[in-house]
């Protein structure tokens, strides 16, 4: 299996390696999700124009994602009862 990074992955690594230059200095934002004061997820928002931002990179601890999916499933099942 080829693990050579794609051009998109390389561009993402450059952007993330220089968040001040590519995100913050261009009116973007870095969001950090906390759970009990511990970081569990991040999202970079890049400014596209005066009213538009685009999520550039997101990551979260898999347990948090799985828990959210389970809770959504429970909620939907409970609504169907």
C-alpha atoms as a PDB file:
ATOM      1  CA  UNK A   1       0.000   0.000   0.000  1.00  0.00           C
ATOM      2  CA  UNK A   2       1.312   3.423  -0.992  1.00  0.00           C
ATOM      3  CA  UNK A   3       1.522   5.879   1.931  1.00  0.00           C
ATOM      4  CA  UNK A   4       2.894   8.787  -0.095  1.00  0.00           C
ATOM      5  CA  UNK A   5       1.063  11.970   0.995  1.00  0.00           C
ATOM      6  CA  UNK A   6      -1.166  13.517  -1.660  1.00  0.00           C
ATOM      7  CA  UNK A   7      -0.832  17.139  -2.730  1.00  0.00           C
ATOM      8  CA  UNK A   8      -3.867  17.972  -0.585  1.00  0.00           C
ATOM      9  CA  UNK A   9      -2.323  16.290   2.462  1.00  0.00           C
ATOM     10  CA  UNK A  10       0.948  18.152   1.887  1.00  0.00           C
ATOM     11  CA  UNK A  11      -0.894  21.484   1.589  1.00  0.00           C
ATOM     12  CA  UNK A  12      -2.809  20.692   4.782  1.00  0.00           C
ATOM     13  CA  UNK A  13       0.401  19.909   6.626  1.00  0.00           C
ATOM     14  CA  UNK A  14       1.914  23.211   5.508  1.00  0.00           C
ATOM     15  CA  UNK A  15      -1.205  25.107   6.576  1.00  0.00           C
ATOM     16  CA  UNK A  16      -1.325  23.398   9.965  1.00  0.00           C
ATOM     17  CA  UNK A  17       2.388  23.874  10.465  1.00  0.00           C
ATOM     18  CA  UNK A  18       1.961  27.607   9.952  1.00  0.00           C
ATOM     19  CA  UNK A  19      -1.430  28.330  11.507  1.00  0.00           C
ATOM     20  CA  UNK A  20      -0.546  31.938  12.327  1.00  0.00           C
ATOM     21  CA  UNK A  21       0.302  32.757   8.702  1.00  0.00           C
ATOM     22  CA  UNK A  22      -2.362  30.732   6.871  1.00  0.00           C
ATOM     23  CA  UNK A  23      -5.315  30.835   9.288  1.00  0.00           C
ATOM     24  CA  UNK A  24      -5.092  33.397  12.097  1.00  0.00           C
ATOM     25  CA  UNK A  25      -3.487  36.261  10.145  1.00  0.00           C
ATOM     26  CA  UNK A  26      -6.221  35.854   7.511  1.00  0.00           C
ATOM     27  CA  UNK A  27      -9.045  36.375  10.055  1.00  0.00           C
ATOM     28  CA  UNK A  28      -9.536  32.636  10.620  1.00  0.00           C
ATOM     29  CA  UNK A  29     -10.022  30.852  13.911  1.00  0.00           C
ATOM     30  CA  UNK A  30      -8.857  27.763  15.750  1.00  0.00           C
ATOM     31  CA  UNK A  31     -11.527  26.176  17.958  1.00  0.00           C
ATOM     32  CA  UNK A  32     -10.681  23.690  20.700  1.00  0.00           C
ATOM     33  CA  UNK A  33     -13.398  21.538  22.254  1.00  0.00           C
ATOM     34  CA  UNK A  34     -12.874  20.804  25.936  1.00  0.00           C
ATOM     35  CA  UNK A  35     -14.380  18.084  28.097  1.00  0.00           C
ATOM     36  CA  UNK A  36     -13.635  18.442  31.793  1.00  0.00           C
ATOM     37  CA  UNK A  37     -10.961  20.991  30.832  1.00  0.00           C
ATOM     38  CA  UNK A  38      -9.172  18.466  28.579  1.00  0.00           C
ATOM     39  CA  UNK A  39      -8.950  19.066  24.813  1.00  0.00           C
ATOM     40  CA  UNK A  40     -10.958  16.460  22.902  1.00  0.00           C
ATOM     41  CA  UNK A  41     -11.313  18.069  19.480  1.00  0.00           C
ATOM     42  CA  UNK A  42     -10.145  20.876  17.233  1.00  0.00           C
ATOM     43  CA  UNK A  43     -11.388  22.717  14.164  1.00  0.00           C
ATOM     44  CA  UNK A  44      -9.672  25.344  12.024  1.00  0.00           C
ATOM     45  CA  UNK A  45     -12.001  27.853  10.358  1.00  0.00           C
ATOM     46  CA  UNK A  46     -10.516  29.645   7.349  1.00  0.00           C
ATOM     47  CA  UNK A  47     -12.010  32.959   6.203  1.00  0.00           C
ATOM     48  CA  UNK A  48     -13.260  32.731   2.600  1.00  0.00           C
ATOM     49  CA  UNK A  49     -14.818  36.198   2.364  1.00  0.00           C
ATOM     50  CA  UNK A  50     -16.447  38.781   4.642  1.00  0.00           C
ATOM     51  CA  UNK A  51     -19.334  36.487   5.615  1.00  0.00           C
ATOM     52  CA  UNK A  52     -18.036  32.981   4.912  1.00  0.00           C
ATOM     53  CA  UNK A  53     -15.707  30.659   6.811  1.00  0.00           C
ATOM     54  CA  UNK A  54     -14.778  27.130   5.853  1.00  0.00           C
ATOM     55  CA  UNK A  55     -13.827  24.340   8.255  1.00  0.00           C
ATOM     56  CA  UNK A  56     -10.309  23.473   7.140  1.00  0.00           C
ATOM     57  CA  UNK A  57      -9.194  20.731   9.499  1.00  0.00           C
ATOM     58  CA  UNK A  58     -11.099  18.941  12.212  1.00  0.00           C
ATOM     59  CA  UNK A  59     -10.085  16.249  14.617  1.00  0.00           C
ATOM     60  CA  UNK A  60     -11.634  14.686  17.663  1.00  0.00           C
ATOM     61  CA  UNK A  61     -10.983  11.816  19.952  1.00  0.00           C
ATOM     62  CA  UNK A  62     -12.735   8.769  18.491  1.00  0.00           C
ATOM     63  CA  UNK A  63     -14.470   7.984  21.802  1.00  0.00           C
ATOM     64  CA  UNK A  64     -16.192  11.386  21.719  1.00  0.00           C
ATOM     65  CA  UNK A  65     -17.383  10.817  18.150  1.00  0.00           C
ATOM     66  CA  UNK A  66     -18.638   7.315  18.962  1.00  0.00           C
ATOM     67  CA  UNK A  67     -20.415   8.584  22.082  1.00  0.00           C
ATOM     68  CA  UNK A  68     -22.141  11.320  20.089  1.00  0.00           C
ATOM     69  CA  UNK A  69     -23.236   8.809  17.464  1.00  0.00           C
ATOM     70  CA  UNK A  70     -24.602   6.503  20.155  1.00  0.00           C
ATOM     71  CA  UNK A  71     -26.479   9.338  21.846  1.00  0.00           C
ATOM     72  CA  UNK A  72     -27.958  10.412  18.511  1.00  0.00           C
ATOM     73  CA  UNK A  73     -29.090   6.824  17.908  1.00  0.00           C
ATOM     74  CA  UNK A  74     -30.651   6.596  21.373  1.00  0.00           C
ATOM     75  CA  UNK A  75     -32.419   9.916  20.840  1.00  0.00           C
ATOM     76  CA  UNK A  76     -33.859   8.826  17.495  1.00  0.00           C
ATOM     77  CA  UNK A  77     -34.952   5.445  18.876  1.00  0.00           C
ATOM     78  CA  UNK A  78     -36.619   7.099  21.890  1.00  0.00           C
ATOM     79  CA  UNK A  79     -38.517   9.456  19.559  1.00  0.00           C
ATOM     80  CA  UNK A  80     -39.845   6.486  17.622  1.00  0.00           C
ATOM     81  CA  UNK A  81     -41.395   4.871  20.718  1.00  0.00           C
END
